[in-house]
C-alpha cells in the first residue's frame, strides 16, 4: 500500500536532510484513518450510492432499499424555491414571533 511504501522510504532516508522540496505530496502519507470520513459518506461508499444517478426507493417493513435505474440517463433539471422573511427586530438578535412584525416576504422560483 501507499502507506507501507512511504514508511519504508522514510526509514531509508531518515538521515537525509528534511529541507528537500516535496515533489509528490502522496509520498508524505504515513497513515490513513477512517475517523475523518463522515458517516453518511462512508455509508454511501459502502452501499454504492452515487450522486447524479437515479434510484427507485422502496420501503418494506421498515427496511429501505435503493435500486439504481440505468434506463434513466438524463440529469434532472433542478427546481429551486427560495424565500426570505424580513422582520423588525432588536439589533444583533434573532426575530421573536411574540414581539416582532413581518415587514416583507419574498420568494423566488425557477422554472
C-alpha atoms as a PDB file:
ATOM      1  CA  UNK A   1       0.000   0.000   0.000  1.00  0.00           C
ATOM      2  CA  UNK A   2       0.997   3.640  -0.273  1.00  0.00           C
ATOM      3  CA  UNK A   3       1.365   3.947   3.495  1.00  0.00           C
ATOM      4  CA  UNK A   4       3.731   0.970   3.793  1.00  0.00           C
ATOM      5  CA  UNK A   5       5.850   2.137   0.854  1.00  0.00           C
ATOM      6  CA  UNK A   6       6.129   5.640   2.303  1.00  0.00           C
ATOM      7  CA  UNK A   7       7.123   4.320   5.747  1.00  0.00           C
ATOM      8  CA  UNK A   8       9.911   2.215   4.195  1.00  0.00           C
ATOM      9  CA  UNK A   9      11.089   5.205   2.166  1.00  0.00           C
ATOM     10  CA  UNK A  10      11.059   7.426   5.264  1.00  0.00           C
ATOM     11  CA  UNK A  11      13.110   4.895   7.235  1.00  0.00           C
ATOM     12  CA  UNK A  12      15.641   4.624   4.402  1.00  0.00           C
ATOM     13  CA  UNK A  13      16.054   8.395   4.119  1.00  0.00           C
ATOM     14  CA  UNK A  14      15.774   9.320   7.801  1.00  0.00           C
ATOM     15  CA  UNK A  15      19.377  10.520   7.941  1.00  0.00           C
ATOM     16  CA  UNK A  16      18.957  12.802   4.896  1.00  0.00           C
ATOM     17  CA  UNK A  17      18.061  16.464   5.239  1.00  0.00           C
ATOM     18  CA  UNK A  18      14.381  17.262   5.716  1.00  0.00           C
ATOM     19  CA  UNK A  19      14.808  20.527   3.804  1.00  0.00           C
ATOM     20  CA  UNK A  20      14.298  18.907   0.392  1.00  0.00           C
ATOM     21  CA  UNK A  21      11.252  20.095  -1.512  1.00  0.00           C
ATOM     22  CA  UNK A  22       8.400  17.626  -1.829  1.00  0.00           C
ATOM     23  CA  UNK A  23       7.556  16.844  -5.441  1.00  0.00           C
ATOM     24  CA  UNK A  24       4.644  14.484  -4.835  1.00  0.00           C
ATOM     25  CA  UNK A  25       2.631  15.026  -1.659  1.00  0.00           C
ATOM     26  CA  UNK A  26       1.252  11.488  -1.788  1.00  0.00           C
ATOM     27  CA  UNK A  27       4.772  10.434  -0.764  1.00  0.00           C
ATOM     28  CA  UNK A  28       4.188  12.182   2.594  1.00  0.00           C
ATOM     29  CA  UNK A  29       1.239   9.978   3.585  1.00  0.00           C
ATOM     30  CA  UNK A  30       2.340   7.830   6.502  1.00  0.00           C
ATOM     31  CA  UNK A  31      -1.037   6.776   7.924  1.00  0.00           C
ATOM     32  CA  UNK A  32      -4.657   6.655   6.808  1.00  0.00           C
ATOM     33  CA  UNK A  33      -7.577   6.638   9.234  1.00  0.00           C
ATOM     34  CA  UNK A  34     -11.325   6.493   8.717  1.00  0.00           C
ATOM     35  CA  UNK A  35     -12.368   8.766  11.579  1.00  0.00           C
ATOM     36  CA  UNK A  36     -12.203  11.848   9.382  1.00  0.00           C
ATOM     37  CA  UNK A  37     -14.654  10.374   6.836  1.00  0.00           C
ATOM     38  CA  UNK A  38     -18.220  11.477   7.721  1.00  0.00           C
ATOM     39  CA  UNK A  39     -20.675   8.670   8.449  1.00  0.00           C
ATOM     40  CA  UNK A  40     -23.007   9.489   5.542  1.00  0.00           C
ATOM     41  CA  UNK A  41     -20.072   9.450   3.088  1.00  0.00           C
ATOM     42  CA  UNK A  42     -18.863   6.101   4.441  1.00  0.00           C
ATOM     43  CA  UNK A  43     -22.417   4.730   4.203  1.00  0.00           C
ATOM     44  CA  UNK A  44     -22.776   5.946   0.618  1.00  0.00           C
ATOM     45  CA  UNK A  45     -19.478   4.339  -0.344  1.00  0.00           C
ATOM     46  CA  UNK A  46     -20.327   1.033   1.350  1.00  0.00           C
ATOM     47  CA  UNK A  47     -23.815   0.881  -0.191  1.00  0.00           C
ATOM     48  CA  UNK A  48     -22.710   2.015  -3.660  1.00  0.00           C
ATOM     49  CA  UNK A  49     -24.939   5.098  -3.662  1.00  0.00           C
ATOM     50  CA  UNK A  50     -23.580   7.759  -6.029  1.00  0.00           C
ATOM     51  CA  UNK A  51     -24.718  11.301  -6.754  1.00  0.00           C
ATOM     52  CA  UNK A  52     -26.108  12.143 -10.155  1.00  0.00           C
ATOM     53  CA  UNK A  53     -27.796   8.765 -10.651  1.00  0.00           C
ATOM     54  CA  UNK A  54     -31.464   7.810 -10.498  1.00  0.00           C
ATOM     55  CA  UNK A  55     -32.729   5.310  -7.931  1.00  0.00           C
ATOM     56  CA  UNK A  56     -36.030   3.649  -7.130  1.00  0.00           C
ATOM     57  CA  UNK A  57     -36.668   3.822  -3.392  1.00  0.00           C
ATOM     58  CA  UNK A  58     -38.812   1.196  -1.691  1.00  0.00           C
ATOM     59  CA  UNK A  59     -39.638   0.775   1.989  1.00  0.00           C
ATOM     60  CA  UNK A  60     -40.958  -2.547   3.233  1.00  0.00           C
ATOM     61  CA  UNK A  61     -41.317  -3.500   6.912  1.00  0.00           C
ATOM     62  CA  UNK A  62     -39.073  -0.604   7.904  1.00  0.00           C
ATOM     63  CA  UNK A  63     -36.240  -1.630   5.555  1.00  0.00           C
ATOM     64  CA  UNK A  64     -35.324   0.823   2.791  1.00  0.00           C
ATOM     65  CA  UNK A  65     -33.872  -0.410  -0.497  1.00  0.00           C
ATOM     66  CA  UNK A  66     -32.377   1.644  -3.303  1.00  0.00           C
ATOM     67  CA  UNK A  67     -32.244   0.216  -6.809  1.00  0.00           C
ATOM     68  CA  UNK A  68     -30.278   2.079  -9.454  1.00  0.00           C
ATOM     69  CA  UNK A  69     -32.187   2.972 -12.637  1.00  0.00           C
ATOM     70  CA  UNK A  70     -29.731   2.532 -15.535  1.00  0.00           C
ATOM     71  CA  UNK A  71     -32.545   3.273 -18.023  1.00  0.00           C
ATOM     72  CA  UNK A  72     -32.657   6.919 -16.869  1.00  0.00           C
ATOM     73  CA  UNK A  73     -29.610   8.680 -18.274  1.00  0.00           C
ATOM     74  CA  UNK A  74     -30.577  12.366 -18.428  1.00  0.00           C
ATOM     75  CA  UNK A  75     -29.772  14.550 -15.472  1.00  0.00           C
ATOM     76  CA  UNK A  76     -32.656  16.033 -13.558  1.00  0.00           C
ATOM     77  CA  UNK A  77     -33.405  19.712 -14.039  1.00  0.00           C
ATOM     78  CA  UNK A  78     -33.160  21.137 -10.533  1.00  0.00           C
ATOM     79  CA  UNK A  79     -36.091  23.171  -9.292  1.00  0.00           C
ATOM     80  CA  UNK A  80     -35.330  25.887  -6.818  1.00  0.00           C
ATOM     81  CA  UNK A  81     -37.673  27.589  -4.389  1.00  0.00           C
ATOM     82  CA  UNK A  82     -36.165  30.187  -2.079  1.00  0.00           C
ATOM     83  CA  UNK A  83     -37.843  32.590   0.317  1.00  0.00           C
ATOM     84  CA  UNK A  84     -36.844  35.356   2.671  1.00  0.00           C
ATOM     85  CA  UNK A  85     -38.829  36.860   5.536  1.00  0.00           C
ATOM     86  CA  UNK A  86     -37.878  40.380   6.640  1.00  0.00           C
ATOM     87  CA  UNK A  87     -38.940  41.346  10.154  1.00  0.00           C
ATOM     88  CA  UNK A  88     -38.479  44.107  12.688  1.00  0.00           C
ATOM     89  CA  UNK A  89     -36.109  43.064  15.472  1.00  0.00           C
ATOM     90  CA  UNK A  90     -33.712  44.282  18.119  1.00  0.00           C
ATOM     91  CA  UNK A  91     -30.194  44.835  16.671  1.00  0.00           C
ATOM     92  CA  UNK A  92     -27.960  41.725  16.782  1.00  0.00           C
ATOM     93  CA  UNK A  93     -30.837  39.487  17.933  1.00  0.00           C
ATOM     94  CA  UNK A  94     -32.971  36.911  16.179  1.00  0.00           C
ATOM     95  CA  UNK A  95     -36.607  37.872  15.498  1.00  0.00           C
ATOM     96  CA  UNK A  96     -39.156  36.950  18.165  1.00  0.00           C
ATOM     97  CA  UNK A  97     -42.624  35.992  16.864  1.00  0.00           C
ATOM     98  CA  UNK A  98     -44.280  37.386  20.028  1.00  0.00           C
ATOM     99  CA  UNK A  99     -42.995  40.935  19.577  1.00  0.00           C
ATOM    100  CA  UNK A 100     -41.522  41.456  16.082  1.00  0.00           C
ATOM    101  CA  UNK A 101     -43.583  42.162  12.982  1.00  0.00           C
ATOM    102  CA  UNK A 102     -43.203  40.767   9.476  1.00  0.00           C
ATOM    103  CA  UNK A 103     -42.327  43.562   7.041  1.00  0.00           C
ATOM    104  CA  UNK A 104     -41.969  41.587   3.808  1.00  0.00           C
ATOM    105  CA  UNK A 105     -41.946  38.015   2.480  1.00  0.00           C
ATOM    106  CA  UNK A 106     -40.189  37.465  -0.844  1.00  0.00           C
ATOM    107  CA  UNK A 107     -39.822  34.296  -2.853  1.00  0.00           C
ATOM    108  CA  UNK A 108     -38.075  33.097  -5.978  1.00  0.00           C
ATOM    109  CA  UNK A 109     -38.886  30.132  -8.207  1.00  0.00           C
ATOM    110  CA  UNK A 110     -37.060  28.888 -11.272  1.00  0.00           C
ATOM    111  CA  UNK A 111     -38.979  27.021 -13.909  1.00  0.00           C
END
